[in-house]
Amino acid sequence: MVAIPAGEFIMGSEVEDERPPHVVFVEAFEMDMFEVTNQEFARFVWETGYVTDAEKAGDSMPWRVYAEGKPNHPVVKVSWNDARAYCEWAGKRLPTEAEWEKAARGTDGRIYPWGNEWDPTRANTKESGHRGTTPVGSFPEGAT
């Protein structure tokens, strides 16, 4: 877990669905440094018998399909409800939108964890040439 100090930050940007930028105060909190892995989520499911929203709905491509052979990759195809259930089981909680943005912006308010200019080599994106997920922690420069 990483400690995120209390304080004000500018939330939002000039992008249409993020307007207007405004000052927000967030209390101190802690956040995991990395995404939840397939292995961690599988342990939760195994220990609790939890069934994801996608599985309840009969989705033919639930999280298990994407997790096959990728224990250290981030879990995908889980809903907000699934993530919340996992967090409760793990003794944690999901961050609020403001907490997420404060943690992502770092102490200097940058747009990306590494600065203000987009660099596809520092994150798992279509432009970086990866097909699908990569192991958690593969992009240390992409960590805030």
C-alpha atoms as a PDB file:
ATOM      1  CA  MET A   1       0.000   0.000   0.000  1.00  0.00           C
ATOM      2  CA  VAL A   2       1.105   3.520  -0.751  1.00  0.00           C
ATOM      3  CA  ALA A   3       0.196   6.427   1.529  1.00  0.00           C
ATOM      4  CA  ILE A   4      -1.429   9.323  -0.295  1.00  0.00           C
ATOM      5  CA  PRO A   5      -1.241  12.473   1.857  1.00  0.00           C
ATOM      6  CA  ALA A   6      -4.217  14.688   2.570  1.00  0.00           C
ATOM      7  CA  GLY A   7      -4.402  17.879   0.614  1.00  0.00           C
ATOM      8  CA  GLU A   8      -5.929  19.925  -2.134  1.00  0.00           C
ATOM      9  CA  PHE A   9      -5.425  19.305  -5.825  1.00  0.00           C
ATOM     10  CA  ILE A  10      -6.979  20.463  -9.056  1.00  0.00           C
ATOM     11  CA  MET A  11      -9.456  17.832 -10.194  1.00  0.00           C
ATOM     12  CA  GLY A  12     -10.617  17.673 -13.785  1.00  0.00           C
ATOM     13  CA  SER A  13      -9.287  19.338 -16.903  1.00  0.00           C
ATOM     14  CA  GLU A  14     -10.460  21.290 -19.917  1.00  0.00           C
ATOM     15  CA  VAL A  15     -11.489  18.057 -21.657  1.00  0.00           C
ATOM     16  CA  GLU A  16     -15.239  18.221 -22.244  1.00  0.00           C
ATOM     17  CA  ASP A  17     -16.327  15.452 -19.863  1.00  0.00           C
ATOM     18  CA  GLU A  18     -13.882  16.552 -17.123  1.00  0.00           C
ATOM     19  CA  ARG A  19     -14.826  20.241 -16.889  1.00  0.00           C
ATOM     20  CA  PRO A  20     -14.393  22.481 -15.132  1.00  0.00           C
ATOM     21  CA  PRO A  21     -11.086  22.056 -13.335  1.00  0.00           C
ATOM     22  CA  HIS A  22     -11.760  22.709  -9.660  1.00  0.00           C
ATOM     23  CA  VAL A  23      -9.957  22.504  -6.326  1.00  0.00           C
ATOM     24  CA  VAL A  24     -10.820  19.457  -4.225  1.00  0.00           C
ATOM     25  CA  PHE A  25      -9.588  18.494  -0.754  1.00  0.00           C
ATOM     26  CA  VAL A  26      -8.984  14.806  -0.119  1.00  0.00           C
ATOM     27  CA  GLU A  27      -8.239  13.234   3.262  1.00  0.00           C
ATOM     28  CA  ALA A  28      -5.168  10.999   3.543  1.00  0.00           C
ATOM     29  CA  PHE A  29      -5.694   7.434   2.342  1.00  0.00           C
ATOM     30  CA  GLU A  30      -3.809   4.352   1.218  1.00  0.00           C
ATOM     31  CA  MET A  31      -3.959   2.673  -2.169  1.00  0.00           C
ATOM     32  CA  ASP A  32      -2.448  -0.500  -3.570  1.00  0.00           C
ATOM     33  CA  MET A  33       0.556   0.176  -5.774  1.00  0.00           C
ATOM     34  CA  PHE A  34      -0.523  -2.352  -8.409  1.00  0.00           C
ATOM     35  CA  GLU A  35      -3.683  -3.729  -9.937  1.00  0.00           C
ATOM     36  CA  VAL A  36      -5.342  -6.845  -8.516  1.00  0.00           C
ATOM     37  CA  THR A  37      -3.948  -9.913 -10.271  1.00  0.00           C
ATOM     38  CA  ASN A  38      -5.890 -12.843 -11.668  1.00  0.00           C
ATOM     39  CA  GLN A  39      -4.324 -15.021  -8.983  1.00  0.00           C
ATOM     40  CA  GLU A  40      -5.506 -12.709  -6.194  1.00  0.00           C
ATOM     41  CA  PHE A  41      -9.011 -12.470  -7.632  1.00  0.00           C
ATOM     42  CA  ALA A  42      -9.140 -16.259  -8.139  1.00  0.00           C
ATOM     43  CA  ARG A  43      -8.268 -16.782  -4.468  1.00  0.00           C
ATOM     44  CA  PHE A  44     -11.147 -14.486  -3.484  1.00  0.00           C
ATOM     45  CA  VAL A  45     -13.549 -16.410  -5.750  1.00  0.00           C
ATOM     46  CA  TRP A  46     -12.310 -19.777  -4.506  1.00  0.00           C
ATOM     47  CA  GLU A  47     -12.533 -18.839  -0.818  1.00  0.00           C
ATOM     48  CA  THR A  48     -15.941 -17.168  -1.018  1.00  0.00           C
ATOM     49  CA  GLY A  49     -17.715 -18.869  -3.911  1.00  0.00           C
ATOM     50  CA  TYR A  50     -18.300 -15.442  -5.430  1.00  0.00           C
ATOM     51  CA  VAL A  51     -19.910 -15.324  -8.878  1.00  0.00           C
ATOM     52  CA  THR A  52     -19.181 -12.229 -10.975  1.00  0.00           C
ATOM     53  CA  ASP A  53     -21.874 -10.105 -12.572  1.00  0.00           C
ATOM     54  CA  ALA A  54     -20.761 -11.294 -16.030  1.00  0.00           C
ATOM     55  CA  GLU A  55     -21.022 -14.935 -14.994  1.00  0.00           C
ATOM     56  CA  LYS A  56     -24.488 -14.365 -13.512  1.00  0.00           C
ATOM     57  CA  ALA A  57     -25.531 -12.784 -16.818  1.00  0.00           C
ATOM     58  CA  GLY A  58     -24.250 -15.784 -18.790  1.00  0.00           C
ATOM     59  CA  ASP A  59     -21.376 -13.916 -20.464  1.00  0.00           C
ATOM     60  CA  SER A  60     -19.450 -16.376 -22.619  1.00  0.00           C
ATOM     61  CA  MET A  61     -16.155 -14.549 -21.956  1.00  0.00           C
ATOM     62  CA  PRO A  62     -15.953 -14.055 -18.169  1.00  0.00           C
ATOM     63  CA  TRP A  63     -12.796 -13.060 -16.319  1.00  0.00           C
ATOM     64  CA  ARG A  64     -11.660 -16.691 -16.068  1.00  0.00           C
ATOM     65  CA  VAL A  65     -11.164 -16.888 -19.852  1.00  0.00           C
ATOM     66  CA  TYR A  66      -8.767 -13.933 -19.797  1.00  0.00           C
ATOM     67  CA  ALA A  67      -7.019 -15.226 -16.662  1.00  0.00           C
ATOM     68  CA  GLU A  68      -6.072 -18.614 -18.134  1.00  0.00           C
ATOM     69  CA  GLY A  69      -2.289 -19.010 -17.872  1.00  0.00           C
ATOM     70  CA  LYS A  70      -1.842 -15.410 -16.696  1.00  0.00           C
ATOM     71  CA  PRO A  71      -1.788 -15.479 -12.881  1.00  0.00           C
ATOM     72  CA  ASN A  72       0.260 -12.276 -12.568  1.00  0.00           C
ATOM     73  CA  HIS A  73      -1.736 -10.226 -15.070  1.00  0.00           C
ATOM     74  CA  PRO A  74      -4.388  -7.737 -13.908  1.00  0.00           C
ATOM     75  CA  VAL A  75      -7.879  -9.154 -13.577  1.00  0.00           C
ATOM     76  CA  VAL A  76     -10.202  -7.908 -16.333  1.00  0.00           C
ATOM     77  CA  LYS A  77     -13.881  -8.338 -17.184  1.00  0.00           C
ATOM     78  CA  VAL A  78     -15.019  -7.591 -13.642  1.00  0.00           C
ATOM     79  CA  SER A  79     -17.658  -5.011 -12.796  1.00  0.00           C
ATOM     80  CA  TRP A  80     -17.569  -2.253 -10.214  1.00  0.00           C
ATOM     81  CA  ASN A  81     -19.693  -4.531  -7.998  1.00  0.00           C
ATOM     82  CA  ASP A  82     -17.180  -7.361  -8.419  1.00  0.00           C
ATOM     83  CA  ALA A  83     -14.279  -5.042  -7.586  1.00  0.00           C
ATOM     84  CA  ARG A  84     -16.114  -3.740  -4.522  1.00  0.00           C
ATOM     85  CA  ALA A  85     -16.817  -7.287  -3.309  1.00  0.00           C
ATOM     86  CA  TYR A  86     -13.141  -8.177  -3.741  1.00  0.00           C
ATOM     87  CA  CYS A  87     -12.076  -5.079  -1.809  1.00  0.00           C
ATOM     88  CA  GLU A  88     -14.447  -5.851   1.066  1.00  0.00           C
ATOM     89  CA  TRP A  89     -13.092  -9.408   1.247  1.00  0.00           C
ATOM     90  CA  ALA A  90      -9.520  -8.071   1.241  1.00  0.00           C
ATOM     91  CA  GLY A  91     -10.303  -5.536   3.994  1.00  0.00           C
ATOM     92  CA  LYS A  92      -9.975  -2.611   1.616  1.00  0.00           C
ATOM     93  CA  ARG A  93     -12.228  -0.345  -0.433  1.00  0.00           C
ATOM     94  CA  LEU A  94     -12.363   1.204  -3.871  1.00  0.00           C
ATOM     95  CA  PRO A  95     -11.056   4.764  -4.059  1.00  0.00           C
ATOM     96  CA  THR A  96     -13.438   7.592  -4.795  1.00  0.00           C
ATOM     97  CA  GLU A  97     -13.059   9.377  -8.127  1.00  0.00           C
ATOM     98  CA  ALA A  98     -11.292  12.251  -6.360  1.00  0.00           C
ATOM     99  CA  GLU A  99      -8.914   9.888  -4.536  1.00  0.00           C
ATOM    100  CA  TRP A 100      -8.111   8.058  -7.771  1.00  0.00           C
ATOM    101  CA  GLU A 101      -7.336  11.275  -9.602  1.00  0.00           C
ATOM    102  CA  LYS A 102      -5.231  12.690  -6.742  1.00  0.00           C
ATOM    103  CA  ALA A 103      -3.181   9.488  -6.592  1.00  0.00           C
ATOM    104  CA  ALA A 104      -2.763   9.382 -10.368  1.00  0.00           C
ATOM    105  CA  ARG A 105      -1.668  13.013 -10.648  1.00  0.00           C
ATOM    106  CA  GLY A 106       1.092  12.639  -8.072  1.00  0.00           C
ATOM    107  CA  THR A 107       2.352  15.564  -6.034  1.00  0.00           C
ATOM    108  CA  ASP A 108       2.865  17.908  -8.978  1.00  0.00           C
ATOM    109  CA  GLY A 109      -0.469  17.541 -10.789  1.00  0.00           C
ATOM    110  CA  ARG A 110       0.907  15.932 -13.932  1.00  0.00           C
ATOM    111  CA  ILE A 111      -1.371  14.356 -16.526  1.00  0.00           C
ATOM    112  CA  TYR A 112       0.451  11.008 -16.704  1.00  0.00           C
ATOM    113  CA  PRO A 113       2.521   9.295 -13.993  1.00  0.00           C
ATOM    114  CA  TRP A 114       5.728  10.201 -15.880  1.00  0.00           C
ATOM    115  CA  GLY A 115       4.809  13.780 -16.862  1.00  0.00           C
ATOM    116  CA  ASN A 116       2.510  15.719 -19.164  1.00  0.00           C
ATOM    117  CA  GLU A 117       3.457  14.216 -22.535  1.00  0.00           C
ATOM    118  CA  TRP A 118       1.983  10.916 -23.726  1.00  0.00           C
ATOM    119  CA  ASP A 119       4.533   8.088 -24.126  1.00  0.00           C
ATOM    120  CA  PRO A 120       3.073   4.727 -25.213  1.00  0.00           C
ATOM    121  CA  THR A 121       6.229   2.862 -24.151  1.00  0.00           C
ATOM    122  CA  ARG A 122       5.407   3.580 -20.505  1.00  0.00           C
ATOM    123  CA  ALA A 123       1.984   1.912 -20.353  1.00  0.00           C
ATOM    124  CA  ASN A 124       0.163  -1.112 -21.708  1.00  0.00           C
ATOM    125  CA  THR A 125      -1.734   0.449 -24.587  1.00  0.00           C
ATOM    126  CA  LYS A 126      -2.580  -0.454 -28.153  1.00  0.00           C
ATOM    127  CA  GLU A 127       0.175   1.928 -29.297  1.00  0.00           C
ATOM    128  CA  SER A 128       2.794   0.096 -27.201  1.00  0.00           C
ATOM    129  CA  GLY A 129       2.382  -2.991 -29.364  1.00  0.00           C
ATOM    130  CA  HIS A 130       1.122  -5.373 -26.687  1.00  0.00           C
ATOM    131  CA  ARG A 131      -1.831  -7.585 -27.427  1.00  0.00           C
ATOM    132  CA  GLY A 132      -3.824  -8.014 -24.258  1.00  0.00           C
ATOM    133  CA  THR A 133      -2.642  -7.564 -20.723  1.00  0.00           C
ATOM    134  CA  THR A 134       0.912  -7.733 -19.417  1.00  0.00           C
ATOM    135  CA  PRO A 135       2.098  -8.838 -15.969  1.00  0.00           C
ATOM    136  CA  VAL A 136       1.369  -6.382 -13.178  1.00  0.00           C
ATOM    137  CA  GLY A 137       4.391  -4.141 -12.588  1.00  0.00           C
ATOM    138  CA  SER A 138       5.628  -4.360 -16.194  1.00  0.00           C
ATOM    139  CA  PHE A 139       5.646  -0.582 -16.580  1.00  0.00           C
ATOM    140  CA  PRO A 140       7.366   0.889 -13.488  1.00  0.00           C
ATOM    141  CA  GLU A 141       7.563   4.348 -15.093  1.00  0.00           C
ATOM    142  CA  GLY A 142       3.782   4.239 -15.400  1.00  0.00           C
ATOM    143  CA  ALA A 143       3.370   4.030 -11.625  1.00  0.00           C
ATOM    144  CA  THR A 144       2.553   7.233  -9.801  1.00  0.00           C
END
